[in-house]
Amino acid sequence: MPIRIFWLDETKKDILQYEFVGKWTWDDFFPIYEEALVLEKEQPHRVDVILDFRQSATIPPNALTHIKSITDKQPDNIGLSIFVTKNHFFQVMHDMAVSIYPPTKQYFVVVKTIEDAHASIMADRAEKV
């Protein structure tokens, strides 16, 4: 399976991580995304999301067409959704998405390491306390 999700801490259930491996499609993504929405909505507290693309080099075609529907479905308790990748194309896609659909800026961040993802989450949580 090219995409899986899991809680980083089964007790806290405050960071949900996606792991993308190899080539994947939107048909692979959306059932997992719907499952993630259920898990996120079950939590009474803030949930941040890490999308780990370190083992996947590409995004399927038509990413920008899916950004609005993904953003519009975000539950109220979602904090950040952080893309972890060294692929510069992700940053370009992020910047285009923000210019086309500005609400994505409040959710989506692109970083190069898992450590940067955790640091971004902790900083955002501290800022919003």
N, C-alpha and C. Protein backbone atom coordinates (compact mmCIF):
# COMPACT_ATOMS: atom_id res chain seq x y z
N MET A 1 0.84 -1.18 0.00
CA MET A 1 0.00 0.00 0.00
C MET A 1 0.89 1.24 0.00
N PRO A 2 0.70 2.16 -0.95
CA PRO A 2 1.60 3.31 -1.06
C PRO A 2 1.37 4.41 -0.02
N ILE A 3 0.22 4.35 0.70
CA ILE A 3 -0.07 5.37 1.71
C ILE A 3 -0.62 4.68 2.95
N ARG A 4 -0.09 5.07 4.10
CA ARG A 4 -0.67 4.60 5.35
C ARG A 4 -0.74 5.76 6.33
N ILE A 5 -1.64 5.65 7.31
CA ILE A 5 -1.74 6.66 8.35
C ILE A 5 -1.63 5.99 9.71
N PHE A 6 -1.13 6.75 10.67
CA PHE A 6 -1.02 6.24 12.03
C PHE A 6 -0.83 7.41 12.99
N TRP A 7 -1.25 7.20 14.24
CA TRP A 7 -1.02 8.18 15.29
C TRP A 7 0.43 8.06 15.74
N LEU A 8 1.12 9.18 15.89
CA LEU A 8 2.49 9.13 16.41
C LEU A 8 2.48 8.66 17.86
N ASP A 9 1.45 9.01 18.59
CA ASP A 9 1.30 8.57 19.97
C ASP A 9 -0.15 8.11 20.15
N GLU A 10 -0.34 6.81 20.29
CA GLU A 10 -1.68 6.23 20.42
C GLU A 10 -2.43 6.74 21.65
N THR A 11 -1.70 7.19 22.65
CA THR A 11 -2.34 7.68 23.86
C THR A 11 -2.86 9.11 23.67
N LYS A 12 -2.01 9.98 23.15
CA LYS A 12 -2.38 11.39 22.96
C LYS A 12 -3.29 11.60 21.75
N LYS A 13 -3.02 10.90 20.67
CA LYS A 13 -3.76 11.07 19.41
C LYS A 13 -3.86 12.55 19.02
N ASP A 14 -2.70 13.20 18.98
CA ASP A 14 -2.68 14.62 18.62
C ASP A 14 -1.86 14.92 17.38
N ILE A 15 -1.13 13.92 16.87
CA ILE A 15 -0.43 14.07 15.58
C ILE A 15 -0.70 12.81 14.76
N LEU A 16 -1.34 13.03 13.62
CA LEU A 16 -1.62 11.93 12.70
C LEU A 16 -0.60 12.02 11.57
N GLN A 17 0.07 10.94 11.29
CA GLN A 17 1.10 10.95 10.25
C GLN A 17 0.68 10.09 9.07
N TYR A 18 0.86 10.65 7.89
CA TYR A 18 0.71 9.90 6.64
C TYR A 18 2.11 9.51 6.21
N GLU A 19 2.25 8.34 5.65
CA GLU A 19 3.52 7.92 5.08
C GLU A 19 3.27 7.51 3.63
N PHE A 20 3.91 8.20 2.71
CA PHE A 20 3.77 7.94 1.28
C PHE A 20 5.02 7.20 0.82
N VAL A 21 4.82 6.06 0.14
CA VAL A 21 5.95 5.26 -0.33
C VAL A 21 5.76 4.98 -1.82
N GLY A 22 6.77 5.36 -2.60
CA GLY A 22 6.72 5.09 -4.03
C GLY A 22 5.66 5.91 -4.75
N LYS A 23 5.19 5.36 -5.84
CA LYS A 23 4.20 6.03 -6.67
C LYS A 23 2.80 5.79 -6.10
N TRP A 24 2.01 6.84 -6.05
CA TRP A 24 0.65 6.74 -5.55
C TRP A 24 -0.27 7.57 -6.44
N THR A 25 -1.57 7.34 -6.32
CA THR A 25 -2.55 8.06 -7.13
C THR A 25 -3.57 8.72 -6.21
N TRP A 26 -4.39 9.57 -6.79
CA TRP A 26 -5.48 10.18 -6.01
C TRP A 26 -6.48 9.12 -5.57
N ASP A 27 -6.63 8.07 -6.36
CA ASP A 27 -7.50 6.96 -5.96
C ASP A 27 -6.94 6.24 -4.73
N ASP A 28 -5.63 6.24 -4.56
CA ASP A 28 -5.02 5.70 -3.35
C ASP A 28 -5.23 6.65 -2.17
N PHE A 29 -5.12 7.94 -2.45
CA PHE A 29 -5.14 8.95 -1.39
C PHE A 29 -6.52 9.15 -0.77
N PHE A 30 -7.55 9.34 -1.56
CA PHE A 30 -8.83 9.78 -1.01
C PHE A 30 -9.47 8.81 -0.02
N PRO A 31 -9.42 7.50 -0.19
CA PRO A 31 -9.97 6.63 0.86
C PRO A 31 -9.20 6.77 2.19
N ILE A 32 -7.89 6.92 2.11
CA ILE A 32 -7.08 7.12 3.32
C ILE A 32 -7.42 8.47 3.95
N TYR A 33 -7.59 9.48 3.12
CA TYR A 33 -7.95 10.81 3.61
C TYR A 33 -9.29 10.78 4.33
N GLU A 34 -10.26 10.09 3.78
CA GLU A 34 -11.58 9.99 4.43
C GLU A 34 -11.45 9.28 5.77
N GLU A 35 -10.62 8.25 5.84
CA GLU A 35 -10.37 7.56 7.10
C GLU A 35 -9.71 8.50 8.11
N ALA A 36 -8.76 9.29 7.63
CA ALA A 36 -8.08 10.25 8.50
C ALA A 36 -9.06 11.29 9.04
N LEU A 37 -9.97 11.76 8.21
CA LEU A 37 -10.96 12.74 8.67
C LEU A 37 -11.78 12.19 9.83
N VAL A 38 -12.17 10.94 9.74
CA VAL A 38 -12.93 10.31 10.83
C VAL A 38 -12.10 10.29 12.10
N LEU A 39 -10.85 9.85 11.99
CA LEU A 39 -9.97 9.79 13.17
C LEU A 39 -9.77 11.18 13.78
N GLU A 40 -9.56 12.17 12.94
CA GLU A 40 -9.34 13.54 13.43
C GLU A 40 -10.59 14.08 14.13
N LYS A 41 -11.74 13.88 13.53
CA LYS A 41 -12.99 14.41 14.09
C LYS A 41 -13.37 13.73 15.41
N GLU A 42 -12.89 12.52 15.64
CA GLU A 42 -13.17 11.82 16.89
C GLU A 42 -12.46 12.45 18.09
N GLN A 43 -11.43 13.25 17.82
CA GLN A 43 -10.64 13.82 18.91
C GLN A 43 -11.23 15.16 19.36
N PRO A 44 -11.31 15.38 20.67
CA PRO A 44 -11.86 16.64 21.18
C PRO A 44 -10.83 17.77 21.22
N HIS A 45 -9.60 17.48 20.82
CA HIS A 45 -8.52 18.45 20.90
C HIS A 45 -7.90 18.68 19.51
N ARG A 46 -6.98 19.58 19.47
CA ARG A 46 -6.26 19.89 18.24
C ARG A 46 -5.51 18.65 17.74
N VAL A 47 -5.57 18.47 16.43
CA VAL A 47 -4.81 17.40 15.77
C VAL A 47 -3.97 18.04 14.66
N ASP A 48 -2.68 17.79 14.69
CA ASP A 48 -1.79 18.21 13.61
C ASP A 48 -1.50 17.00 12.73
N VAL A 49 -1.13 17.28 11.49
CA VAL A 49 -0.92 16.22 10.51
C VAL A 49 0.47 16.37 9.90
N ILE A 50 1.20 15.26 9.82
CA ILE A 50 2.48 15.22 9.12
C ILE A 50 2.30 14.32 7.91
N LEU A 51 2.61 14.85 6.74
CA LEU A 51 2.54 14.10 5.49
C LEU A 51 3.98 13.84 5.04
N ASP A 52 4.44 12.63 5.29
CA ASP A 52 5.84 12.28 5.07
C ASP A 52 6.03 11.74 3.64
N PHE A 53 6.64 12.57 2.80
CA PHE A 53 6.90 12.21 1.40
C PHE A 53 8.36 11.84 1.16
N ARG A 54 9.10 11.55 2.20
CA ARG A 54 10.54 11.26 2.02
C ARG A 54 10.78 10.02 1.19
N GLN A 55 9.81 9.10 1.11
CA GLN A 55 9.98 7.88 0.33
C GLN A 55 9.16 7.90 -0.96
N SER A 56 8.67 9.07 -1.33
CA SER A 56 7.88 9.21 -2.56
C SER A 56 8.33 10.48 -3.26
N ALA A 57 8.69 10.37 -4.50
CA ALA A 57 9.29 11.51 -5.20
C ALA A 57 8.30 12.41 -5.93
N THR A 58 7.06 11.98 -6.08
CA THR A 58 6.16 12.76 -6.92
C THR A 58 4.77 12.93 -6.29
N ILE A 59 4.05 13.86 -6.88
CA ILE A 59 2.62 14.05 -6.61
C ILE A 59 1.92 13.72 -7.92
N PRO A 60 0.78 13.03 -7.85
CA PRO A 60 0.06 12.75 -9.10
C PRO A 60 -0.40 14.03 -9.79
N PRO A 61 -0.72 13.94 -11.07
CA PRO A 61 -1.20 15.12 -11.79
C PRO A 61 -2.46 15.71 -11.15
N ASN A 62 -2.69 16.96 -11.44
CA ASN A 62 -3.90 17.69 -11.03
C ASN A 62 -3.97 17.97 -9.53
N ALA A 63 -2.83 18.13 -8.89
CA ALA A 63 -2.82 18.38 -7.45
C ALA A 63 -3.59 19.65 -7.08
N LEU A 64 -3.40 20.70 -7.86
CA LEU A 64 -4.06 21.96 -7.52
C LEU A 64 -5.58 21.85 -7.57
N THR A 65 -6.09 20.97 -8.42
CA THR A 65 -7.55 20.82 -8.50
C THR A 65 -8.10 20.16 -7.24
N HIS A 66 -7.28 19.42 -6.52
CA HIS A 66 -7.73 18.73 -5.31
C HIS A 66 -7.51 19.54 -4.04
N ILE A 67 -6.67 20.56 -4.09
CA ILE A 67 -6.33 21.32 -2.89
C ILE A 67 -7.55 21.96 -2.24
N LYS A 68 -8.43 22.57 -3.03
CA LYS A 68 -9.60 23.24 -2.47
C LYS A 68 -10.50 22.26 -1.75
N SER A 69 -10.79 21.12 -2.36
CA SER A 69 -11.69 20.16 -1.71
C SER A 69 -11.05 19.60 -0.44
N ILE A 70 -9.75 19.39 -0.44
CA ILE A 70 -9.06 18.91 0.76
C ILE A 70 -9.12 19.97 1.85
N THR A 71 -8.83 21.20 1.51
CA THR A 71 -8.85 22.29 2.49
C THR A 71 -10.26 22.50 3.03
N ASP A 72 -11.25 22.46 2.16
CA ASP A 72 -12.63 22.70 2.59
C ASP A 72 -13.16 21.62 3.54
N LYS A 73 -12.56 20.43 3.51
CA LYS A 73 -13.01 19.33 4.37
C LYS A 73 -12.28 19.29 5.72
N GLN A 74 -11.30 20.16 5.92
CA GLN A 74 -10.54 20.12 7.17
C GLN A 74 -11.46 20.30 8.37
N PRO A 75 -11.38 19.41 9.36
CA PRO A 75 -12.19 19.58 10.56
C PRO A 75 -11.76 20.82 11.35
N ASP A 76 -12.63 21.29 12.21
CA ASP A 76 -12.34 22.49 13.00
C ASP A 76 -11.15 22.32 13.93
N ASN A 77 -10.86 21.08 14.31
CA ASN A 77 -9.78 20.86 15.27
C ASN A 77 -8.40 20.64 14.62
N ILE A 78 -8.32 20.82 13.31
CA ILE A 78 -7.03 20.62 12.64
C ILE A 78 -6.13 21.83 12.87
N GLY A 79 -4.88 21.52 13.23
CA GLY A 79 -3.87 22.55 13.37
C GLY A 79 -3.14 22.70 12.05
N LEU A 80 -1.91 22.22 12.00
CA LEU A 80 -1.10 22.30 10.78
C LEU A 80 -1.12 20.97 10.05
N SER A 81 -0.95 21.06 8.74
CA SER A 81 -0.69 19.89 7.89
C SER A 81 0.66 20.16 7.25
N ILE A 82 1.64 19.38 7.65
CA ILE A 82 3.02 19.65 7.26
C ILE A 82 3.53 18.60 6.29
N PHE A 83 3.97 19.05 5.13
CA PHE A 83 4.55 18.17 4.11
C PHE A 83 6.05 18.07 4.38
N VAL A 84 6.55 16.86 4.53
CA VAL A 84 7.98 16.64 4.75
C VAL A 84 8.57 16.07 3.48
N THR A 85 9.42 16.87 2.83
CA THR A 85 10.03 16.45 1.58
C THR A 85 11.21 17.37 1.26
N LYS A 86 12.16 16.83 0.52
CA LYS A 86 13.26 17.66 0.01
C LYS A 86 13.04 18.03 -1.45
N ASN A 87 11.91 17.59 -1.98
CA ASN A 87 11.57 17.86 -3.37
C ASN A 87 11.05 19.30 -3.50
N HIS A 88 11.78 20.13 -4.21
CA HIS A 88 11.43 21.54 -4.36
C HIS A 88 10.07 21.72 -5.03
N PHE A 89 9.64 20.77 -5.83
CA PHE A 89 8.34 20.85 -6.51
C PHE A 89 7.19 21.02 -5.50
N PHE A 90 7.31 20.39 -4.33
CA PHE A 90 6.26 20.52 -3.31
C PHE A 90 6.14 21.96 -2.84
N GLN A 91 7.27 22.64 -2.67
CA GLN A 91 7.23 24.04 -2.25
C GLN A 91 6.59 24.90 -3.34
N VAL A 92 6.92 24.63 -4.58
CA VAL A 92 6.32 25.36 -5.70
C VAL A 92 4.81 25.14 -5.72
N MET A 93 4.39 23.89 -5.54
CA MET A 93 2.94 23.59 -5.51
C MET A 93 2.27 24.28 -4.33
N HIS A 94 2.92 24.29 -3.18
CA HIS A 94 2.38 24.97 -2.00
C HIS A 94 2.18 26.45 -2.30
N ASP A 95 3.20 27.09 -2.85
CA ASP A 95 3.13 28.52 -3.14
C ASP A 95 2.03 28.82 -4.15
N MET A 96 1.87 27.96 -5.14
CA MET A 96 0.79 28.16 -6.12
C MET A 96 -0.57 27.97 -5.46
N ALA A 97 -0.71 26.97 -4.62
CA ALA A 97 -1.97 26.72 -3.93
C ALA A 97 -2.36 27.91 -3.06
N VAL A 98 -1.40 28.46 -2.34
CA VAL A 98 -1.67 29.61 -1.48
C VAL A 98 -2.11 30.81 -2.32
N SER A 99 -1.50 31.01 -3.48
CA SER A 99 -1.88 32.15 -4.31
C SER A 99 -3.26 31.96 -4.94
N ILE A 100 -3.61 30.72 -5.26
CA ILE A 100 -4.91 30.44 -5.88
C ILE A 100 -6.01 30.35 -4.83
N TYR A 101 -5.71 29.73 -3.70
CA TYR A 101 -6.70 29.50 -2.65
C TYR A 101 -6.08 29.84 -1.29
N PRO A 102 -6.10 31.13 -0.91
CA PRO A 102 -5.40 31.60 0.29
C PRO A 102 -5.69 30.86 1.60
N PRO A 103 -6.89 30.27 1.82
CA PRO A 103 -7.08 29.56 3.09
C PRO A 103 -6.10 28.41 3.33
N THR A 104 -5.46 27.92 2.27
CA THR A 104 -4.49 26.84 2.46
C THR A 104 -3.30 27.29 3.30
N LYS A 105 -3.04 28.59 3.31
CA LYS A 105 -1.88 29.10 4.06
C LYS A 105 -1.99 28.82 5.55
N GLN A 106 -3.21 28.80 6.09
CA GLN A 106 -3.35 28.56 7.52
C GLN A 106 -3.14 27.10 7.90
N TYR A 107 -3.19 26.20 6.93
CA TYR A 107 -3.05 24.77 7.23
C TYR A 107 -1.73 24.17 6.77
N PHE A 108 -1.31 24.49 5.56
CA PHE A 108 -0.25 23.74 4.91
C PHE A 108 1.12 24.41 5.03
N VAL A 109 2.11 23.60 5.39
CA VAL A 109 3.50 24.04 5.54
C VAL A 109 4.37 22.98 4.88
N VAL A 110 5.48 23.39 4.28
CA VAL A 110 6.43 22.45 3.68
C VAL A 110 7.76 22.58 4.41
N VAL A 111 8.29 21.44 4.87
CA VAL A 111 9.60 21.41 5.54
C VAL A 111 10.42 20.26 4.96
N LYS A 112 11.70 20.23 5.30
CA LYS A 112 12.59 19.22 4.72
C LYS A 112 12.84 18.01 5.63
N THR A 113 12.58 18.13 6.93
CA THR A 113 12.86 17.02 7.84
C THR A 113 11.70 16.80 8.81
N ILE A 114 11.64 15.60 9.35
CA ILE A 114 10.65 15.28 10.38
C ILE A 114 10.88 16.16 11.60
N GLU A 115 12.14 16.42 11.93
CA GLU A 115 12.45 17.28 13.07
C GLU A 115 11.89 18.68 12.85
N ASP A 116 11.99 19.19 11.63
CA ASP A 116 11.41 20.50 11.31
C ASP A 116 9.89 20.47 11.44
N ALA A 117 9.27 19.36 11.06
CA ALA A 117 7.82 19.23 11.20
C ALA A 117 7.41 19.32 12.66
N HIS A 118 8.09 18.57 13.51
CA HIS A 118 7.78 18.60 14.94
C HIS A 118 8.02 19.99 15.53
N ALA A 119 9.09 20.63 15.13
CA ALA A 119 9.40 21.97 15.63
C ALA A 119 8.32 22.96 15.19
N SER A 120 7.85 22.85 13.96
CA SER A 120 6.80 23.74 13.46
C SER A 120 5.51 23.56 14.24
N ILE A 121 5.18 22.31 14.53
CA ILE A 121 3.96 22.03 15.32
C ILE A 121 4.09 22.62 16.71
N MET A 122 5.20 22.37 17.37
CA MET A 122 5.38 22.87 18.73
C MET A 122 5.34 24.40 18.77
N ALA A 123 5.98 25.04 17.80
CA ALA A 123 5.99 26.50 17.76
C ALA A 123 4.58 27.04 17.52
N ASP A 124 3.83 26.42 16.61
CA ASP A 124 2.48 26.88 16.33
C ASP A 124 1.57 26.67 17.54
N ARG A 125 1.71 25.55 18.20
CA ARG A 125 0.90 25.29 19.40
C ARG A 125 1.22 26.32 20.49
N ALA A 126 2.50 26.62 20.69
CA ALA A 126 2.89 27.58 21.72
C ALA A 126 2.35 28.97 21.39
N GLU A 127 2.36 29.31 20.11
CA GLU A 127 1.88 30.62 19.68
C GLU A 127 0.38 30.77 19.90
N LYS A 128 -0.36 29.68 19.81
CA LYS A 128 -1.82 29.74 19.88
C LYS A 128 -2.39 29.41 21.26
N VAL A 129 -1.51 29.32 22.25
CA VAL A 129 -1.98 29.04 23.62
C VAL A 129 -2.50 30.29 24.25
